[in-house]
Amino acid sequence: MVARLAVIVCLWSGASLLCAAQAGDEPDVLRVGAQLVQVNVVVTDDDGPVHDLTADDFTVLDDGVVRTIEVFEVIRSETGDSDAAAMLPDHVVSNRLDRRGRRPESATAILVDRLNTLGPDQAFMDDQVRTFLDEAAAGGEHVAVLELREDGLTVLADFTNHASVLRNALESRRPSHSLAMESSQDFFMGGLDPVLAEAAGESTGDEDDNADGLATTLLIQVQRYYMNRRVLLTAAALEAGARYLSPLPGRKNLVWLSAQFPFPYRPWQDPRFNIAGANLPPATLDRIEDVFRIIVDSDVAVYPIDALGLRSERFRGFGGNRDAAADLNKIVDLPMRIAAVTGGRTSFNTNGLTTRMREAVRDMNASYSLGFYVPEVESDAEFHEIDVRVERDDVDVLHRSGYFGFDASPSVERALNQTLTDPFDATGIGLLAAAEPIPDETGSYTVTLAVDVNDIDLIRKGDHWAGSLTVAMGFYATSLDEYRRFAPVRHEVRLTDSQLATARQVMSVIIPQAVDTGNDAGHLRVAVQDAATGETGSLWLSLGQE
């Protein structure tokens, strides 16, 4: 379905929507044909983040080729009381601003992983996270708190620096039993034990021996099932976290507290996940690689923190008669690789988890955004290694280790479907939305979307600028426990020079769309996608509810 969009330039003000049509200077071209790669870099020395570098201090190598730095920005995190920001109007929802109308300039999300941590060990983890959140609240840091359990991922606190919200984030939560972790932790450590493999494969003809072999085979299958379940749930959580953080400016950190990190960088090459013992399904291994591509492309730095604290006694004897050093290496190897590839840091074998979380936030106090263009003729789907060098002695440089070629991007249709079903709001396209009941039409609403024009890919066509947006919606009726999808609607954007100039000033064009809920109360999922680039934005609207 295609609709011709009569674009109105608008501005949210107070509780109403103000519209204007003002003349302005002819705008710059909004799109550059070349493919831009941006890398966020943190530079630290013994005193903390280094603030005074310029573009001339950096050298960027792309697979060994020196790239010209075309984009350079110094990004400093801002803390303090957000009361100075204007409140969003009543019943207006945004996918980029917090409830006080502010977009965080620094982003730290804390992932409390109960899926991969046994219940008795979660109390120590919770205590350390609470201490950190108290400090973050006192310092005015914008922090989000996520929790992963066997039933999925939950946002306990969206990005905020409000002390009460942060301090209450974990208060209602308690350690939970993780059957998946309990049933597969030893399996994860060593793959299939050779003794078990031999027992499962032997058939002596003796009834007791065969019974033992069948029991062992069943145990292996159970362990394999729960290992696969943990991997898939963890992958889904990390993907959601990366999409959640991706559009925010500057340094984006995902601090992951867990007792085990069942998420390899290259699963097909890792014997714990791809041997006769583990033998995870090929679809699971492919899923891991897809999620890692999303994490890397989102430029999200992962900070794996071992939730068990000091392990000096814990890992001794872990895995039977195997050497303790080898066991320790297996525990540390995965989080070290994840941190190295994404540009984070690993913390292991320390009781100072609060200190490590604080250091992750400190890394964001100052960062540098470096951008370079890749010629379209060099586009491919391969992983390209990035090396960033700084002309200064005695500094530590953190950044993601590379990027995937642009041909590896998912299809536009697939990206839109993922956005509709993703629990987190996509923020690749900035949105504001409000819904008003249609008079004399019970259960029907006019949904008004304000779309950030700076996120729309517009090209010059004669005397106007043209683009295309697809709006998709789904409605969850809470009383019926039912989800309905509406047919996507294509909106053609057409702007004169003066309209575009005004739209760029107030950052919005308007899309009105009618929705019929069948007189049911519930939640409307709204997703908007740029047809040219595949970038998406999404948010939730409550309909028929106070």
Protein backbone atom coordinates (compact mmCIF):
# COMPACT_ATOMS: atom_id res chain seq x y z
CA MET A 1 0.00 0.00 0.00
CA VAL A 2 1.43 3.38 -1.00
CA ALA A 3 0.23 6.73 0.31
CA ARG A 4 1.17 10.15 -0.97
CA LEU A 5 2.36 12.03 2.09
CA ALA A 6 1.35 15.66 2.39
CA VAL A 7 4.29 16.67 4.53
CA ILE A 8 3.76 19.23 7.26
CA VAL A 9 6.70 20.65 9.15
CA CYS A 10 6.03 20.53 12.88
CA LEU A 11 7.37 21.23 16.33
CA TRP A 12 6.32 19.75 19.66
CA SER A 13 5.56 22.53 22.12
CA GLY A 14 3.80 22.16 25.46
CA ALA A 15 0.93 19.73 25.07
CA SER A 16 0.17 20.58 21.46
CA LEU A 17 1.65 20.10 18.04
CA LEU A 18 2.60 23.36 16.34
CA CYS A 19 2.95 23.40 12.55
CA ALA A 20 4.71 25.91 10.35
CA ALA A 21 5.74 26.48 6.75
CA GLN A 22 8.64 28.90 6.62
CA ALA A 23 11.06 29.76 3.88
CA GLY A 24 14.75 29.09 4.35
CA ASP A 25 18.10 28.86 2.63
CA GLU A 26 18.68 26.09 0.15
CA PRO A 27 19.94 23.07 2.09
CA ASP A 28 23.10 21.12 1.67
CA VAL A 29 22.95 17.74 0.01
CA LEU A 30 21.90 15.25 2.69
CA ARG A 31 23.45 12.10 1.35
CA VAL A 32 26.98 11.17 0.35
CA GLY A 33 27.39 8.24 -2.01
CA ALA A 34 30.45 6.77 -0.32
CA GLN A 35 30.13 4.40 2.65
CA LEU A 36 31.06 5.92 5.99
CA VAL A 37 32.73 3.91 8.75
CA GLN A 38 32.75 5.53 12.18
CA VAL A 39 34.79 4.28 15.12
CA ASN A 40 34.54 5.51 18.69
CA VAL A 41 37.94 5.59 20.37
CA VAL A 42 38.84 5.94 24.04
CA VAL A 43 42.38 7.02 24.92
CA THR A 44 43.54 6.76 28.53
CA ASP A 45 46.75 7.21 30.48
CA ASP A 46 47.60 6.76 34.14
CA ASP A 47 45.41 9.73 35.05
CA GLY A 48 42.33 8.53 33.16
CA PRO A 49 40.81 9.59 29.80
CA VAL A 50 42.91 11.88 27.59
CA HIS A 51 40.88 14.93 26.51
CA ASP A 52 43.17 17.09 24.36
CA LEU A 53 43.82 15.10 21.17
CA THR A 54 43.15 16.37 17.66
CA ALA A 55 42.57 14.56 14.36
CA ASP A 56 46.27 14.96 13.54
CA ASP A 57 47.15 12.79 16.54
CA PHE A 58 45.33 9.76 15.08
CA THR A 59 46.15 7.33 12.30
CA VAL A 60 43.49 4.86 11.14
CA LEU A 61 44.40 1.72 9.21
CA ASP A 62 41.73 -0.34 7.46
CA ASP A 63 43.17 -3.81 6.74
CA GLY A 64 46.58 -2.12 6.77
CA VAL A 65 45.54 0.71 4.43
CA VAL A 66 45.81 4.22 5.87
CA ARG A 67 42.44 5.97 5.64
CA THR A 68 41.92 9.71 5.64
CA ILE A 69 39.96 10.85 8.69
CA GLU A 70 37.04 12.77 7.18
CA VAL A 71 34.94 13.00 10.35
CA PHE A 72 36.37 13.93 13.74
CA GLU A 73 34.50 14.78 16.91
CA VAL A 74 35.41 14.96 20.58
CA ILE A 75 32.52 13.68 22.68
CA ARG A 76 32.33 14.42 26.39
CA SER A 77 29.74 12.82 28.62
CA GLU A 78 27.43 15.13 30.51
CA THR A 79 26.07 14.46 33.98
CA GLY A 80 23.91 16.43 36.32
CA ASP A 81 20.28 17.14 37.05
CA SER A 82 18.04 16.57 34.05
CA ASP A 83 15.31 18.76 35.59
CA ALA A 84 16.61 21.59 33.40
CA ALA A 85 15.35 19.74 30.31
CA ALA A 86 11.82 20.33 29.08
CA MET A 87 9.29 17.64 29.91
CA LEU A 88 7.67 15.86 26.97
CA PRO A 89 3.96 16.75 26.57
CA ASP A 90 1.41 14.41 28.11
CA HIS A 91 0.66 11.32 25.98
CA VAL A 92 3.64 12.03 23.69
CA VAL A 93 6.15 9.21 23.34
CA SER A 94 9.71 9.40 22.00
CA ASN A 95 12.18 6.69 21.02
CA ARG A 96 15.21 8.90 21.64
CA LEU A 97 14.52 11.18 24.58
CA ASP A 98 14.10 10.29 28.21
CA ARG A 99 10.89 11.26 29.95
CA ARG A 100 12.31 14.71 30.70
CA GLY A 101 12.99 15.44 27.03
CA ARG A 102 16.70 14.77 27.15
CA ARG A 103 18.90 12.58 24.98
CA PRO A 104 21.75 10.96 26.97
CA GLU A 105 25.21 11.96 25.77
CA SER A 106 26.80 8.96 27.48
CA ALA A 107 25.44 5.45 27.62
CA THR A 108 26.23 2.67 30.06
CA ALA A 109 23.88 -0.29 30.23
CA ILE A 110 24.37 -2.80 33.04
CA LEU A 111 23.34 -6.35 32.10
CA VAL A 112 22.65 -8.47 35.19
CA ASP A 113 22.89 -12.01 33.83
CA ARG A 114 20.97 -14.49 35.99
CA LEU A 115 20.65 -17.00 33.16
CA ASN A 116 24.38 -17.76 33.22
CA THR A 117 24.92 -17.36 36.97
CA LEU A 118 23.83 -19.84 39.63
CA GLY A 119 21.36 -18.63 42.24
CA PRO A 120 23.73 -18.70 45.27
CA ASP A 121 26.23 -16.50 43.39
CA GLN A 122 23.69 -13.85 42.36
CA ALA A 123 23.45 -12.24 45.81
CA PHE A 124 27.08 -11.05 45.63
CA MET A 125 26.51 -9.75 42.09
CA ASP A 126 23.36 -7.87 43.15
CA ASP A 127 25.09 -6.26 46.11
CA GLN A 128 27.91 -4.98 43.89
CA VAL A 129 25.47 -3.63 41.27
CA ARG A 130 23.41 -1.82 43.93
CA THR A 131 26.52 -0.13 45.27
CA PHE A 132 27.46 1.00 41.78
CA LEU A 133 23.96 2.30 41.04
CA ASP A 134 24.02 4.35 44.27
CA GLU A 135 27.28 5.93 43.17
CA ALA A 136 26.04 6.50 39.61
CA ALA A 137 22.89 8.18 40.90
CA ALA A 138 24.91 10.43 43.20
CA GLY A 139 27.19 11.37 40.29
CA GLY A 140 24.34 12.12 37.87
CA GLU A 141 25.37 9.37 35.42
CA HIS A 142 22.83 8.17 32.84
CA VAL A 143 22.59 4.40 33.34
CA ALA A 144 20.24 1.68 32.15
CA VAL A 145 19.77 -1.63 33.97
CA LEU A 146 18.88 -4.82 32.09
CA GLU A 147 18.23 -8.26 33.54
CA LEU A 148 18.51 -11.61 31.77
CA ARG A 149 16.63 -14.59 33.19
CA GLU A 150 15.51 -17.88 31.70
CA ASP A 151 12.28 -16.23 30.58
CA GLY A 152 14.08 -13.48 28.67
CA LEU A 153 15.42 -9.95 28.94
CA THR A 154 13.81 -7.19 31.02
CA VAL A 155 14.55 -3.46 31.25
CA LEU A 156 14.62 -2.69 34.98
CA ALA A 157 15.56 0.96 34.43
CA ASP A 158 15.71 2.85 31.15
CA PHE A 159 18.47 5.44 30.74
CA THR A 160 18.16 7.82 33.65
CA ASN A 161 20.20 9.72 36.20
CA HIS A 162 17.35 9.90 38.71
CA ALA A 163 18.55 8.49 42.00
CA SER A 164 15.24 6.93 43.05
CA VAL A 165 14.83 5.07 39.76
CA LEU A 166 18.36 3.69 39.84
CA ARG A 167 18.23 2.75 43.50
CA ASN A 168 14.97 0.91 43.03
CA ALA A 169 16.09 -0.91 39.87
CA LEU A 170 17.11 -4.08 41.71
CA GLU A 171 15.14 -3.70 44.91
CA SER A 172 12.16 -5.74 43.71
CA ARG A 173 14.35 -8.40 42.08
CA ARG A 174 15.66 -11.51 43.75
CA PRO A 175 18.13 -14.23 42.74
CA SER A 176 16.47 -16.74 40.44
CA HIS A 177 17.13 -20.39 39.75
CA SER A 178 18.70 -21.08 36.35
CA LEU A 179 17.98 -24.65 35.37
CA ALA A 180 19.76 -24.14 32.06
CA MET A 181 22.95 -23.04 33.81
CA GLU A 182 22.77 -25.78 36.42
CA SER A 183 22.27 -28.44 33.75
CA SER A 184 25.08 -27.40 31.42
CA GLN A 185 27.87 -25.63 33.31
CA ASP A 186 30.25 -28.62 33.34
CA PHE A 187 29.36 -29.42 29.74
CA PHE A 188 30.40 -25.89 28.79
CA MET A 189 33.78 -26.24 30.51
CA GLY A 190 35.09 -29.23 28.63
CA GLY A 191 32.68 -30.24 25.94
CA LEU A 192 31.85 -33.94 26.04
CA ASP A 193 33.96 -35.82 28.57
CA PRO A 194 35.88 -38.61 26.76
CA VAL A 195 34.78 -41.10 29.42
CA LEU A 196 31.14 -40.20 28.85
CA ALA A 197 31.61 -40.38 25.11
CA GLU A 198 33.09 -43.83 25.38
CA ALA A 199 30.33 -44.98 27.71
CA ALA A 200 27.67 -43.63 25.37
CA GLY A 201 29.20 -45.28 22.34
CA GLU A 202 29.97 -48.71 23.76
CA SER A 203 27.61 -51.64 23.33
CA THR A 204 28.91 -54.78 25.08
CA GLY A 205 25.71 -56.79 24.94
CA ASP A 206 25.45 -56.70 28.72
CA GLU A 207 22.07 -55.34 29.80
CA ASP A 208 23.49 -53.25 32.65
CA ASP A 209 26.23 -51.81 30.44
CA ASN A 210 23.70 -50.87 27.76
CA ALA A 211 21.49 -49.23 30.38
CA ASP A 212 24.43 -47.18 31.60
CA GLY A 213 25.24 -46.18 28.05
CA LEU A 214 21.67 -45.11 27.35
CA ALA A 215 21.55 -43.12 30.58
CA THR A 216 24.79 -41.39 29.67
CA THR A 217 23.52 -40.62 26.18
CA LEU A 218 20.36 -39.13 27.65
CA LEU A 219 22.43 -37.01 30.06
CA ILE A 220 24.52 -35.71 27.17
CA GLN A 221 21.42 -34.83 25.17
CA VAL A 222 19.94 -32.96 28.14
CA GLN A 223 23.17 -31.02 28.68
CA ARG A 224 23.39 -30.22 24.99
CA TYR A 225 19.79 -28.98 24.94
CA TYR A 226 20.32 -26.62 27.86
CA MET A 227 23.65 -25.40 26.50
CA ASN A 228 21.98 -24.53 23.20
CA ARG A 229 19.14 -22.80 25.05
CA ARG A 230 21.59 -20.67 27.05
CA VAL A 231 23.49 -19.67 23.93
CA LEU A 232 20.34 -18.65 22.04
CA LEU A 233 18.89 -16.68 24.98
CA THR A 234 22.22 -14.95 25.55
CA ALA A 235 22.55 -14.12 21.87
CA ALA A 236 19.05 -12.61 21.81
CA ALA A 237 19.84 -10.50 24.88
CA LEU A 238 23.10 -9.19 23.45
CA GLU A 239 21.46 -8.37 20.13
CA ALA A 240 18.68 -6.47 21.87
CA GLY A 241 21.23 -4.63 24.02
CA ALA A 242 23.30 -3.66 20.99
CA ARG A 243 20.26 -2.36 19.10
CA TYR A 244 19.18 -0.47 22.19
CA LEU A 245 22.54 1.31 22.48
CA SER A 246 23.51 1.63 18.83
CA PRO A 247 21.97 4.99 17.84
CA LEU A 248 23.17 6.90 20.91
CA PRO A 249 26.08 9.29 20.32
CA GLY A 250 29.59 8.77 21.57
CA ARG A 251 30.86 5.86 23.57
CA LYS A 252 28.34 3.08 24.18
CA ASN A 253 29.14 0.48 26.83
CA LEU A 254 27.38 -2.75 27.69
CA VAL A 255 28.66 -3.96 31.07
CA TRP A 256 27.86 -7.67 31.26
CA LEU A 257 28.00 -9.30 34.71
CA SER A 258 27.92 -13.08 34.47
CA ALA A 259 29.50 -16.24 35.90
CA GLN A 260 29.89 -17.77 32.43
CA PHE A 261 30.03 -16.17 28.99
CA PRO A 262 28.69 -18.78 26.54
CA PHE A 263 29.10 -16.55 23.51
CA PRO A 264 32.18 -17.18 21.31
CA TYR A 265 33.49 -14.68 18.80
CA ARG A 266 33.99 -17.31 16.10
CA PRO A 267 31.78 -20.27 17.09
CA TRP A 268 32.67 -22.42 14.10
CA GLN A 269 36.32 -22.36 15.19
CA ASP A 270 35.69 -22.88 18.93
CA PRO A 271 35.89 -26.53 20.07
CA ARG A 272 33.61 -25.89 23.05
CA PHE A 273 30.78 -25.14 20.66
CA ASN A 274 31.62 -27.03 17.49
CA ILE A 275 32.92 -30.52 18.26
CA ALA A 276 31.25 -33.88 18.74
CA GLY A 277 30.81 -33.03 22.43
CA ALA A 278 29.07 -29.68 22.16
CA ASN A 279 27.72 -30.14 18.66
CA LEU A 280 25.45 -27.13 18.77
CA PRO A 281 23.15 -26.94 15.75
CA PRO A 282 24.61 -25.13 12.73
CA ALA A 283 21.72 -22.66 12.92
CA THR A 284 22.85 -21.70 16.44
CA LEU A 285 26.42 -21.14 15.31
CA ASP A 286 25.17 -18.99 12.43
CA ARG A 287 22.97 -17.08 14.86
CA ILE A 288 25.99 -16.26 17.05
CA GLU A 289 27.89 -14.91 14.05
CA ASP A 290 24.90 -12.76 13.02
CA VAL A 291 24.61 -11.28 16.51
CA PHE A 292 28.33 -10.57 16.70
CA ARG A 293 28.03 -8.71 13.40
CA ILE A 294 25.26 -6.58 14.93
CA ILE A 295 27.34 -5.86 18.05
CA VAL A 296 30.39 -4.86 16.03
CA ASP A 297 28.43 -2.78 13.52
CA SER A 298 26.66 -1.01 16.40
CA ASP A 299 30.06 0.04 17.77
CA VAL A 300 29.02 -1.10 21.24
CA ALA A 301 31.89 -1.90 23.59
CA VAL A 302 31.20 -4.96 25.74
CA TYR A 303 32.72 -5.05 29.24
CA PRO A 304 32.46 -8.65 30.52
CA ILE A 305 32.79 -8.74 34.33
CA ASP A 306 33.08 -12.05 36.14
CA ALA A 307 30.25 -12.09 38.69
CA LEU A 308 31.90 -14.64 40.98
CA GLY A 309 34.62 -12.36 42.35
CA LEU A 310 37.79 -14.07 43.51
CA ARG A 311 38.03 -17.53 41.95
CA SER A 312 41.21 -18.75 43.63
CA GLU A 313 39.32 -21.48 45.43
CA ARG A 314 36.31 -21.78 43.16
CA PHE A 315 37.98 -23.04 40.01
CA ARG A 316 40.38 -25.34 41.82
CA GLY A 317 39.34 -28.81 40.77
CA PHE A 318 36.68 -27.45 38.40
CA GLY A 319 36.38 -30.09 35.68
CA GLY A 320 37.69 -33.12 37.54
CA ASN A 321 41.37 -33.94 37.05
CA ARG A 322 42.05 -31.37 34.38
CA ASP A 323 44.75 -28.86 35.08
CA ALA A 324 43.45 -25.80 36.99
CA ALA A 325 45.33 -23.40 34.71
CA ALA A 326 43.64 -24.90 31.66
CA ASP A 327 40.25 -24.52 33.32
CA LEU A 328 41.03 -20.93 34.18
CA ASN A 329 42.01 -20.24 30.59
CA LYS A 330 38.68 -21.64 29.37
CA ILE A 331 36.81 -19.37 31.76
CA VAL A 332 38.73 -16.23 30.79
CA ASP A 333 39.21 -16.82 27.07
CA LEU A 334 35.70 -16.01 25.82
CA PRO A 335 35.18 -12.71 27.69
CA MET A 336 38.68 -11.58 26.72
CA ARG A 337 37.91 -12.14 23.04
CA ILE A 338 34.56 -10.37 23.27
CA ALA A 339 36.15 -7.35 24.94
CA ALA A 340 39.04 -7.24 22.47
CA VAL A 341 36.82 -7.34 19.38
CA THR A 342 34.33 -4.74 20.63
CA GLY A 343 36.78 -2.36 22.33
CA GLY A 344 35.86 -3.02 25.95
CA ARG A 345 37.77 -4.35 28.94
CA THR A 346 37.59 -7.66 30.81
CA SER A 347 37.46 -8.00 34.58
CA PHE A 348 38.15 -11.33 36.24
CA ASN A 349 39.10 -12.79 39.63
CA THR A 350 38.38 -9.69 41.73
CA ASN A 351 35.81 -8.80 44.37
CA GLY A 352 35.85 -5.16 43.25
CA LEU A 353 33.06 -5.43 40.68
CA THR A 354 31.85 -1.95 41.59
CA THR A 355 35.27 -0.52 40.76
CA ARG A 356 35.25 -2.24 37.36
CA MET A 357 31.80 -0.86 36.55
CA ARG A 358 32.96 2.59 37.61
CA GLU A 359 35.97 2.30 35.28
CA ALA A 360 33.67 1.45 32.37
CA VAL A 361 31.75 4.68 32.99
CA ARG A 362 35.00 6.61 33.35
CA ASP A 363 36.06 5.46 29.88
CA MET A 364 33.14 7.47 28.50
CA ASN A 365 34.14 10.77 30.07
CA ALA A 366 35.87 11.61 26.81
CA SER A 367 35.91 9.73 23.53
CA TYR A 368 36.75 10.50 19.93
CA SER A 369 34.56 9.69 16.94
CA LEU A 370 36.67 9.02 13.85
CA GLY A 371 35.09 8.55 10.45
CA PHE A 372 36.47 7.52 7.09
CA TYR A 373 34.87 6.71 3.75
CA VAL A 374 35.18 3.37 1.99
CA PRO A 375 34.91 3.48 -1.82
CA GLU A 376 31.84 1.62 -3.06
CA VAL A 377 34.02 -0.50 -5.34
CA GLU A 378 35.63 -1.99 -2.21
CA SER A 379 32.31 -3.05 -0.69
CA ASP A 380 32.08 -6.69 0.41
CA ALA A 381 30.70 -8.82 3.25
CA GLU A 382 34.04 -9.59 4.91
CA PHE A 383 35.38 -8.50 8.28
CA HIS A 384 37.88 -5.65 7.99
CA GLU A 385 40.40 -5.09 10.76
CA ILE A 386 40.82 -1.56 12.10
CA ASP A 387 43.94 -0.32 13.85
CA VAL A 388 43.88 3.13 15.45
CA ARG A 389 47.23 4.59 16.45
CA VAL A 390 47.85 7.66 18.59
CA GLU A 391 50.96 9.81 18.37
CA ARG A 392 51.49 9.96 22.10
CA ASP A 393 53.53 7.82 24.46
CA ASP A 394 52.20 5.75 27.36
CA VAL A 395 48.52 5.73 26.40
CA ASP A 396 46.01 2.90 26.13
CA VAL A 397 43.73 2.95 23.06
CA LEU A 398 40.34 1.20 23.07
CA HIS A 399 38.19 0.71 19.96
CA ARG A 400 36.37 -2.06 18.13
CA SER A 401 38.76 -4.23 16.19
CA GLY A 402 37.00 -3.93 12.84
CA TYR A 403 33.77 -3.72 10.86
CA PHE A 404 31.82 -5.93 8.50
CA GLY A 405 31.54 -4.92 4.86
CA PHE A 406 28.38 -3.17 3.80
CA ASP A 407 27.23 -6.07 1.67
CA ALA A 408 26.66 -8.00 4.92
CA SER A 409 23.72 -5.83 5.95
CA PRO A 410 20.35 -7.60 6.37
CA SER A 411 17.59 -7.06 3.84
CA VAL A 412 15.31 -4.06 4.30
CA GLU A 413 12.22 -6.25 4.78
CA ARG A 414 13.95 -8.44 7.35
CA ALA A 415 15.15 -5.39 9.30
CA LEU A 416 11.60 -3.99 9.46
CA ASN A 417 10.17 -7.28 10.75
CA GLN A 418 12.90 -7.48 13.39
CA THR A 419 12.12 -3.95 14.51
CA LEU A 420 8.43 -4.74 15.00
CA THR A 421 9.18 -7.76 17.19
CA ASP A 422 12.20 -6.33 19.04
CA PRO A 423 11.35 -5.50 22.70
CA PHE A 424 13.64 -2.45 22.56
CA ASP A 425 12.88 0.72 20.67
CA ALA A 426 14.93 1.15 17.49
CA THR A 427 16.36 4.66 17.27
CA GLY A 428 17.98 4.76 13.85
CA ILE A 429 15.15 7.12 12.90
CA GLY A 430 14.06 9.59 15.57
CA LEU A 431 10.34 9.51 16.35
CA LEU A 432 7.78 11.32 18.46
CA ALA A 433 4.23 9.97 18.51
CA ALA A 434 0.80 10.68 19.94
CA ALA A 435 -2.62 9.07 19.46
CA GLU A 436 -5.99 10.82 19.54
CA PRO A 437 -9.40 9.06 19.48
CA ILE A 438 -11.40 9.68 16.30
CA PRO A 439 -14.75 11.26 17.24
CA ASP A 440 -17.81 9.01 16.81
CA GLU A 441 -15.59 6.04 15.83
CA THR A 442 -15.17 3.89 18.93
CA GLY A 443 -11.80 2.14 19.09
CA SER A 444 -10.32 4.16 16.23
CA TYR A 445 -7.38 6.52 16.61
CA THR A 446 -5.35 8.95 14.56
CA VAL A 447 -1.69 8.17 15.23
CA THR A 448 0.54 11.17 14.46
CA LEU A 449 4.22 10.50 13.93
CA ALA A 450 6.86 13.21 13.92
CA VAL A 451 9.87 11.83 12.03
CA ASP A 452 13.34 13.37 12.29
CA VAL A 453 14.00 14.63 8.76
CA ASN A 454 17.75 14.42 9.34
CA ASP A 455 17.41 10.62 9.47
CA ILE A 456 15.60 10.36 6.12
CA ASP A 457 17.61 9.61 2.98
CA LEU A 458 16.53 12.36 0.56
CA ILE A 459 17.72 12.85 -3.01
CA ARG A 460 17.21 15.74 -5.40
CA LYS A 461 14.52 15.20 -8.06
CA GLY A 462 13.95 18.26 -10.21
CA ASP A 463 12.64 21.07 -8.02
CA HIS A 464 12.10 18.99 -4.88
CA TRP A 465 13.65 16.50 -2.46
CA ALA A 466 12.25 12.97 -2.44
CA GLY A 467 12.38 10.01 -0.12
CA SER A 468 10.25 7.08 1.00
CA LEU A 469 9.18 5.79 4.42
CA THR A 470 7.38 2.58 5.32
CA VAL A 471 5.20 2.58 8.44
CA ALA A 472 4.37 -0.81 10.00
CA MET A 473 2.22 -1.35 13.09
CA GLY A 474 1.16 -4.16 15.37
CA PHE A 475 -1.38 -4.05 18.19
CA TYR A 476 -1.26 -6.13 21.35
CA ALA A 477 -4.71 -6.37 22.95
CA THR A 478 -4.04 -6.94 26.64
CA SER A 479 -7.52 -8.20 27.53
CA LEU A 480 -7.47 -10.82 24.76
CA ASP A 481 -3.77 -11.63 24.97
CA GLU A 482 -3.73 -11.25 21.19
CA TYR A 483 -1.30 -9.63 18.75
CA ARG A 484 -2.46 -8.24 15.40
CA ARG A 485 -0.34 -6.99 12.52
CA PHE A 486 -1.50 -4.20 10.21
CA ALA A 487 -0.50 -3.98 6.56
CA PRO A 488 2.58 -1.75 6.10
CA VAL A 489 1.93 1.63 4.46
CA ARG A 490 4.43 3.30 2.14
CA HIS A 491 4.63 7.10 2.42
CA GLU A 492 6.37 9.11 -0.30
CA VAL A 493 8.14 12.18 1.06
CA ARG A 494 8.24 15.22 -1.19
CA LEU A 495 9.72 18.50 0.05
CA THR A 496 10.45 21.81 -1.59
CA ASP A 497 13.62 23.65 -0.65
CA SER A 498 11.80 25.92 1.79
CA GLN A 499 9.92 23.01 3.38
CA LEU A 500 13.14 21.07 3.84
CA ALA A 501 14.93 24.06 5.35
CA THR A 502 12.14 24.46 7.92
CA ALA A 503 11.97 20.72 8.58
CA ARG A 504 15.68 20.62 9.31
CA GLN A 505 15.31 23.41 11.85
CA VAL A 506 12.59 21.68 13.85
CA MET A 507 13.79 18.18 12.91
CA SER A 508 10.37 16.79 12.03
CA VAL A 509 7.98 15.87 9.27
CA ILE A 510 4.54 14.54 10.13
CA ILE A 511 2.84 11.27 9.17
CA PRO A 512 -0.81 10.82 10.19
CA GLN A 513 -2.28 7.32 10.09
CA ALA A 514 -5.60 5.86 11.25
CA VAL A 515 -5.68 2.74 13.44
CA ASP A 516 -8.71 0.63 14.41
CA THR A 517 -8.19 -1.42 17.60
CA GLY A 518 -11.61 -3.04 17.58
CA ASN A 519 -12.42 -1.20 20.83
CA ASP A 520 -9.80 -3.23 22.69
CA ALA A 521 -7.31 -1.65 25.09
CA GLY A 522 -3.66 -2.45 24.56
CA HIS A 523 -0.32 -1.34 23.19
CA LEU A 524 0.48 -0.27 19.64
CA ARG A 525 3.92 -1.05 18.23
CA VAL A 526 4.93 1.52 15.60
CA ALA A 527 7.92 1.05 13.30
CA VAL A 528 9.15 3.44 10.61
CA GLN A 529 11.75 2.49 8.03
CA ASP A 530 13.63 4.49 5.42
CA ALA A 531 13.14 2.52 2.20
CA ALA A 532 16.49 3.66 0.79
CA THR A 533 18.81 2.88 3.72
CA GLY A 534 16.87 0.34 5.78
CA GLU A 535 17.32 2.44 8.93
CA THR A 536 14.44 2.02 11.38
CA GLY A 537 12.82 3.69 14.36
CA SER A 538 10.16 2.27 16.65
CA LEU A 539 8.20 2.94 19.82
CA TRP A 540 5.18 1.80 21.85
CA LEU A 541 1.92 3.70 22.32
CA SER A 542 -0.76 2.81 24.89
CA LEU A 543 -4.29 2.93 23.47
CA GLY A 544 -7.53 2.79 25.43
CA GLN A 545 -5.70 2.73 28.76
CA GLU A 546 -5.19 5.31 31.47
